[in-house]
Amino acid sequence: MPAGEKDLSIPEELSALALQKQRDDHQYQYALAALQTQERDREAERAHNRISQKNGIRFLSGLGLTVLIITVAAFYFNKEQFLLECVKIMFVGGGGGGIGYFFGYKKAKGLG
C-alpha cells in the first residue's frame, strides 16, 4: 500500500462512494438548474431585443415618412428655402450630436 493512503474497510469505502455519488448528484442538479435559469434569461433577453428592434424600426420609419411628407409639401408650395434651412439645422445639430455621442462612447468605454 502506498504511503499516505488509509486502509479503509469495505463498509467505509462503500460509505465514501455513496457520499461521492451524492455529491455528484447534487452538483449535477445544481448545474442543470443553473443552465435552465440561464436559458430563461437568454430567452427574455432575446424577446427584449426583438421588441427594441421593432420599436426602433417603427420610429425610424415614422421619422422617414415625416421627412418625406415635409419635403414633398415644401416642393409643392415652392418653399425650397425652408428645405435648405432644415438641411443646415440637421447638419449642425447632427454634427454636434455625433461628436457628443463619440466622446460619450469613448468615456463610457474608458478609451478617453
N, C-alpha and C. Protein backbone atom coordinates (compact mmCIF):
# COMPACT_ATOMS: atom_id res chain seq x y z
N MET A 1 0.86 -1.16 0.00
CA MET A 1 0.00 0.00 0.00
C MET A 1 0.90 1.23 0.00
N PRO A 2 0.63 2.23 -0.92
CA PRO A 2 1.46 3.43 -0.98
C PRO A 2 1.30 4.25 0.29
N ALA A 3 2.34 5.01 0.57
CA ALA A 3 2.33 5.86 1.76
C ALA A 3 1.27 6.94 1.62
N GLY A 4 0.62 7.30 2.69
CA GLY A 4 -0.37 8.37 2.69
C GLY A 4 -1.78 7.89 2.47
N GLU A 5 -1.99 6.67 2.01
CA GLU A 5 -3.34 6.15 1.81
C GLU A 5 -3.79 5.45 3.08
N LYS A 6 -5.06 5.62 3.38
CA LYS A 6 -5.62 4.96 4.55
C LYS A 6 -6.13 3.59 4.15
N ASP A 7 -6.06 2.72 5.07
CA ASP A 7 -6.61 1.38 4.84
C ASP A 7 -8.06 1.43 5.30
N LEU A 8 -9.00 1.56 4.32
CA LEU A 8 -10.41 1.64 4.64
C LEU A 8 -11.03 0.26 4.55
N SER A 9 -11.93 0.00 5.43
CA SER A 9 -12.65 -1.27 5.36
C SER A 9 -13.70 -1.14 4.25
N ILE A 10 -14.27 -2.24 3.88
CA ILE A 10 -15.24 -2.25 2.78
C ILE A 10 -16.46 -1.39 3.11
N PRO A 11 -17.04 -1.46 4.31
CA PRO A 11 -18.19 -0.59 4.59
C PRO A 11 -17.82 0.91 4.53
N GLU A 12 -16.62 1.24 4.98
CA GLU A 12 -16.19 2.64 4.91
C GLU A 12 -16.01 3.08 3.46
N GLU A 13 -15.48 2.19 2.64
CA GLU A 13 -15.32 2.51 1.21
C GLU A 13 -16.67 2.69 0.55
N LEU A 14 -17.64 1.84 0.88
CA LEU A 14 -18.98 1.97 0.31
C LEU A 14 -19.63 3.27 0.77
N SER A 15 -19.41 3.62 2.02
CA SER A 15 -19.95 4.87 2.54
C SER A 15 -19.32 6.07 1.83
N ALA A 16 -18.02 6.03 1.60
CA ALA A 16 -17.33 7.11 0.90
C ALA A 16 -17.80 7.20 -0.55
N LEU A 17 -18.01 6.05 -1.19
CA LEU A 17 -18.50 6.05 -2.56
C LEU A 17 -19.93 6.60 -2.64
N ALA A 18 -20.76 6.23 -1.66
CA ALA A 18 -22.13 6.74 -1.63
C ALA A 18 -22.13 8.25 -1.41
N LEU A 19 -21.25 8.73 -0.54
CA LEU A 19 -21.14 10.17 -0.30
C LEU A 19 -20.67 10.89 -1.57
N GLN A 20 -19.70 10.29 -2.27
CA GLN A 20 -19.21 10.89 -3.52
C GLN A 20 -20.31 10.91 -4.57
N LYS A 21 -21.10 9.84 -4.65
CA LYS A 21 -22.20 9.79 -5.61
C LYS A 21 -23.25 10.85 -5.27
N GLN A 22 -23.52 11.02 -3.99
CA GLN A 22 -24.49 12.03 -3.56
C GLN A 22 -23.99 13.43 -3.94
N ARG A 23 -22.70 13.69 -3.74
CA ARG A 23 -22.11 14.98 -4.13
C ARG A 23 -22.24 15.21 -5.63
N ASP A 24 -21.93 14.16 -6.39
CA ASP A 24 -22.04 14.28 -7.85
C ASP A 24 -23.48 14.55 -8.28
N ASP A 25 -24.43 13.87 -7.65
CA ASP A 25 -25.84 14.11 -7.98
C ASP A 25 -26.25 15.54 -7.66
N HIS A 26 -25.80 16.05 -6.52
CA HIS A 26 -26.13 17.43 -6.15
C HIS A 26 -25.50 18.42 -7.12
N GLN A 27 -24.25 18.17 -7.51
CA GLN A 27 -23.59 19.06 -8.47
C GLN A 27 -24.31 19.03 -9.81
N TYR A 28 -24.74 17.85 -10.22
CA TYR A 28 -25.48 17.72 -11.47
C TYR A 28 -26.79 18.51 -11.40
N GLN A 29 -27.54 18.35 -10.31
CA GLN A 29 -28.82 19.06 -10.16
C GLN A 29 -28.60 20.57 -10.14
N TYR A 30 -27.55 21.01 -9.46
CA TYR A 30 -27.26 22.45 -9.41
C TYR A 30 -26.89 22.98 -10.79
N ALA A 31 -26.06 22.24 -11.51
CA ALA A 31 -25.66 22.67 -12.86
C ALA A 31 -26.86 22.69 -13.80
N LEU A 32 -27.73 21.71 -13.68
CA LEU A 32 -28.94 21.66 -14.51
C LEU A 32 -29.84 22.85 -14.22
N ALA A 33 -30.03 23.17 -12.96
CA ALA A 33 -30.86 24.32 -12.58
C ALA A 33 -30.23 25.62 -13.09
N ALA A 34 -28.91 25.72 -13.00
CA ALA A 34 -28.22 26.93 -13.47
C ALA A 34 -28.39 27.09 -14.98
N LEU A 35 -28.29 26.00 -15.72
CA LEU A 35 -28.46 26.06 -17.17
C LEU A 35 -29.89 26.43 -17.55
N GLN A 36 -30.86 25.91 -16.83
CA GLN A 36 -32.26 26.24 -17.12
C GLN A 36 -32.53 27.72 -16.84
N THR A 37 -31.97 28.22 -15.75
CA THR A 37 -32.13 29.64 -15.43
C THR A 37 -31.47 30.50 -16.50
N GLN A 38 -30.29 30.11 -16.93
CA GLN A 38 -29.59 30.87 -17.97
C GLN A 38 -30.39 30.84 -19.27
N GLU A 39 -30.99 29.71 -19.59
CA GLU A 39 -31.79 29.60 -20.81
C GLU A 39 -33.00 30.54 -20.76
N ARG A 40 -33.67 30.60 -19.60
CA ARG A 40 -34.81 31.51 -19.45
C ARG A 40 -34.37 32.96 -19.56
N ASP A 41 -33.22 33.27 -18.95
CA ASP A 41 -32.71 34.64 -19.03
C ASP A 41 -32.37 35.03 -20.47
N ARG A 42 -31.77 34.12 -21.19
CA ARG A 42 -31.40 34.41 -22.58
C ARG A 42 -32.66 34.59 -23.44
N GLU A 43 -33.69 33.80 -23.19
CA GLU A 43 -34.93 33.94 -23.95
C GLU A 43 -35.58 35.30 -23.66
N ALA A 44 -35.55 35.71 -22.40
CA ALA A 44 -36.10 37.03 -22.04
C ALA A 44 -35.28 38.14 -22.70
N GLU A 45 -33.97 37.96 -22.75
CA GLU A 45 -33.11 38.95 -23.40
C GLU A 45 -33.40 39.03 -24.90
N ARG A 46 -33.58 37.88 -25.53
CA ARG A 46 -33.90 37.87 -26.97
C ARG A 46 -35.25 38.54 -27.24
N ALA A 47 -36.23 38.27 -26.39
CA ALA A 47 -37.54 38.89 -26.56
C ALA A 47 -37.44 40.41 -26.41
N HIS A 48 -36.67 40.85 -25.44
CA HIS A 48 -36.47 42.29 -25.25
C HIS A 48 -35.78 42.92 -26.46
N ASN A 49 -34.76 42.24 -26.98
CA ASN A 49 -34.05 42.77 -28.15
C ASN A 49 -34.97 42.83 -29.37
N ARG A 50 -35.83 41.82 -29.54
CA ARG A 50 -36.78 41.85 -30.67
C ARG A 50 -37.72 43.04 -30.56
N ILE A 51 -38.23 43.29 -29.36
CA ILE A 51 -39.14 44.41 -29.15
C ILE A 51 -38.42 45.73 -29.38
N SER A 52 -37.21 45.85 -28.87
CA SER A 52 -36.44 47.09 -29.06
C SER A 52 -36.16 47.33 -30.54
N GLN A 53 -35.79 46.28 -31.25
CA GLN A 53 -35.51 46.43 -32.67
C GLN A 53 -36.78 46.82 -33.44
N LYS A 54 -37.90 46.20 -33.10
CA LYS A 54 -39.16 46.52 -33.76
C LYS A 54 -39.54 47.98 -33.50
N ASN A 55 -39.38 48.43 -32.26
CA ASN A 55 -39.69 49.82 -31.93
C ASN A 55 -38.76 50.80 -32.65
N GLY A 56 -37.49 50.43 -32.76
CA GLY A 56 -36.54 51.27 -33.48
C GLY A 56 -36.89 51.40 -34.96
N ILE A 57 -37.27 50.28 -35.56
CA ILE A 57 -37.66 50.30 -36.97
C ILE A 57 -38.91 51.15 -37.17
N ARG A 58 -39.87 51.01 -36.26
CA ARG A 58 -41.09 51.82 -36.36
C ARG A 58 -40.77 53.31 -36.22
N PHE A 59 -39.92 53.65 -35.27
CA PHE A 59 -39.56 55.05 -35.07
C PHE A 59 -38.87 55.62 -36.31
N LEU A 60 -37.88 54.90 -36.82
CA LEU A 60 -37.15 55.40 -37.99
C LEU A 60 -38.06 55.46 -39.23
N SER A 61 -38.98 54.51 -39.36
CA SER A 61 -39.92 54.55 -40.48
C SER A 61 -40.83 55.77 -40.37
N GLY A 62 -41.33 56.03 -39.18
CA GLY A 62 -42.17 57.21 -38.97
C GLY A 62 -41.42 58.50 -39.22
N LEU A 63 -40.17 58.55 -38.76
CA LEU A 63 -39.35 59.73 -38.98
C LEU A 63 -39.09 59.94 -40.47
N GLY A 64 -38.77 58.87 -41.17
CA GLY A 64 -38.54 58.97 -42.61
C GLY A 64 -39.79 59.40 -43.36
N LEU A 65 -40.92 58.86 -42.97
CA LEU A 65 -42.19 59.24 -43.61
C LEU A 65 -42.50 60.71 -43.35
N THR A 66 -42.25 61.18 -42.14
CA THR A 66 -42.48 62.59 -41.81
C THR A 66 -41.58 63.50 -42.65
N VAL A 67 -40.31 63.14 -42.76
CA VAL A 67 -39.38 63.94 -43.56
C VAL A 67 -39.82 63.94 -45.02
N LEU A 68 -40.26 62.81 -45.52
CA LEU A 68 -40.73 62.72 -46.90
C LEU A 68 -41.95 63.61 -47.12
N ILE A 69 -42.89 63.58 -46.22
CA ILE A 69 -44.09 64.41 -46.35
C ILE A 69 -43.73 65.89 -46.31
N ILE A 70 -42.84 66.28 -45.40
CA ILE A 70 -42.43 67.69 -45.32
C ILE A 70 -41.71 68.11 -46.59
N THR A 71 -40.87 67.23 -47.12
CA THR A 71 -40.13 67.55 -48.34
C THR A 71 -41.08 67.72 -49.53
N VAL A 72 -41.99 66.79 -49.69
CA VAL A 72 -42.96 66.88 -50.79
C VAL A 72 -43.82 68.13 -50.65
N ALA A 73 -44.26 68.43 -49.43
CA ALA A 73 -45.09 69.63 -49.21
C ALA A 73 -44.31 70.89 -49.51
N ALA A 74 -43.03 70.93 -49.12
CA ALA A 74 -42.22 72.12 -49.38
C ALA A 74 -42.01 72.32 -50.88
N PHE A 75 -41.77 71.26 -51.61
CA PHE A 75 -41.63 71.40 -53.07
C PHE A 75 -42.97 71.80 -53.70
N TYR A 76 -44.05 71.27 -53.20
CA TYR A 76 -45.37 71.58 -53.75
C TYR A 76 -45.71 73.06 -53.56
N PHE A 77 -45.34 73.62 -52.39
CA PHE A 77 -45.65 75.02 -52.10
C PHE A 77 -44.50 75.97 -52.46
N ASN A 78 -43.50 75.46 -53.22
CA ASN A 78 -42.34 76.25 -53.65
C ASN A 78 -41.61 76.90 -52.46
N LYS A 79 -41.31 76.10 -51.44
CA LYS A 79 -40.59 76.57 -50.25
C LYS A 79 -39.24 75.87 -50.15
N GLU A 80 -38.45 75.96 -51.22
CA GLU A 80 -37.15 75.30 -51.22
C GLU A 80 -36.21 75.91 -50.19
N GLN A 81 -36.37 77.19 -49.91
CA GLN A 81 -35.52 77.85 -48.91
C GLN A 81 -35.74 77.22 -47.53
N PHE A 82 -36.97 76.83 -47.25
CA PHE A 82 -37.29 76.15 -45.99
C PHE A 82 -36.52 74.83 -45.88
N LEU A 83 -36.46 74.10 -47.01
CA LEU A 83 -35.72 72.83 -47.01
C LEU A 83 -34.23 73.06 -46.79
N LEU A 84 -33.68 74.11 -47.41
CA LEU A 84 -32.26 74.41 -47.22
C LEU A 84 -31.96 74.74 -45.76
N GLU A 85 -32.84 75.49 -45.12
CA GLU A 85 -32.65 75.81 -43.71
C GLU A 85 -32.75 74.56 -42.85
N CYS A 86 -33.67 73.68 -43.19
CA CYS A 86 -33.80 72.42 -42.44
C CYS A 86 -32.54 71.56 -42.58
N VAL A 87 -31.98 71.53 -43.78
CA VAL A 87 -30.76 70.75 -44.01
C VAL A 87 -29.60 71.36 -43.21
N LYS A 88 -29.50 72.68 -43.18
CA LYS A 88 -28.45 73.33 -42.38
C LYS A 88 -28.59 72.96 -40.90
N ILE A 89 -29.81 73.02 -40.39
CA ILE A 89 -30.05 72.69 -38.98
C ILE A 89 -29.70 71.23 -38.70
N MET A 90 -30.05 70.35 -39.64
CA MET A 90 -29.74 68.93 -39.44
C MET A 90 -28.24 68.69 -39.41
N PHE A 91 -27.49 69.35 -40.29
CA PHE A 91 -26.04 69.15 -40.30
C PHE A 91 -25.39 69.70 -39.04
N VAL A 92 -25.81 70.88 -38.61
CA VAL A 92 -25.23 71.46 -37.40
C VAL A 92 -25.61 70.63 -36.18
N GLY A 93 -26.90 70.33 -36.03
CA GLY A 93 -27.36 69.53 -34.89
C GLY A 93 -26.83 68.11 -34.92
N GLY A 94 -26.84 67.52 -36.10
CA GLY A 94 -26.33 66.15 -36.24
C GLY A 94 -24.84 66.06 -35.99
N GLY A 95 -24.11 67.06 -36.47
CA GLY A 95 -22.67 67.08 -36.23
C GLY A 95 -22.35 67.21 -34.75
N GLY A 96 -23.04 68.14 -34.09
CA GLY A 96 -22.82 68.32 -32.65
C GLY A 96 -23.24 67.10 -31.86
N GLY A 97 -24.38 66.53 -32.24
CA GLY A 97 -24.85 65.32 -31.56
C GLY A 97 -23.91 64.14 -31.80
N GLY A 98 -23.40 64.03 -33.02
CA GLY A 98 -22.47 62.95 -33.33
C GLY A 98 -21.17 63.07 -32.55
N ILE A 99 -20.67 64.29 -32.44
CA ILE A 99 -19.44 64.49 -31.67
C ILE A 99 -19.68 64.18 -30.20
N GLY A 100 -20.81 64.65 -29.67
CA GLY A 100 -21.15 64.35 -28.28
C GLY A 100 -21.29 62.86 -28.04
N TYR A 101 -21.92 62.17 -28.96
CA TYR A 101 -22.07 60.72 -28.84
C TYR A 101 -20.70 60.04 -28.85
N PHE A 102 -19.83 60.48 -29.75
CA PHE A 102 -18.50 59.90 -29.86
C PHE A 102 -17.73 60.04 -28.55
N PHE A 103 -17.73 61.25 -27.98
CA PHE A 103 -16.99 61.46 -26.74
C PHE A 103 -17.64 60.72 -25.58
N GLY A 104 -18.96 60.65 -25.55
CA GLY A 104 -19.64 59.88 -24.51
C GLY A 104 -19.33 58.40 -24.62
N TYR A 105 -19.27 57.89 -25.85
CA TYR A 105 -18.94 56.47 -26.07
C TYR A 105 -17.52 56.17 -25.61
N LYS A 106 -16.59 57.05 -25.97
CA LYS A 106 -15.21 56.84 -25.55
C LYS A 106 -15.07 56.88 -24.03
N LYS A 107 -15.81 57.81 -23.40
CA LYS A 107 -15.73 57.92 -21.95
C LYS A 107 -16.32 56.68 -21.28
N ALA A 108 -17.43 56.19 -21.81
CA ALA A 108 -18.07 55.00 -21.23
C ALA A 108 -17.18 53.77 -21.38
N LYS A 109 -16.47 53.68 -22.48
CA LYS A 109 -15.59 52.53 -22.71
C LYS A 109 -14.22 52.69 -22.04
N GLY A 110 -13.98 53.87 -21.50
CA GLY A 110 -12.70 54.11 -20.84
C GLY A 110 -11.56 54.31 -21.81
N LEU A 111 -11.86 54.76 -23.03
CA LEU A 111 -10.83 54.95 -24.04
C LEU A 111 -10.29 56.38 -24.05
N GLY A 112 -10.93 57.30 -23.37
CA GLY A 112 -10.51 58.68 -23.47
C GLY A 112 -10.45 59.29 -22.17
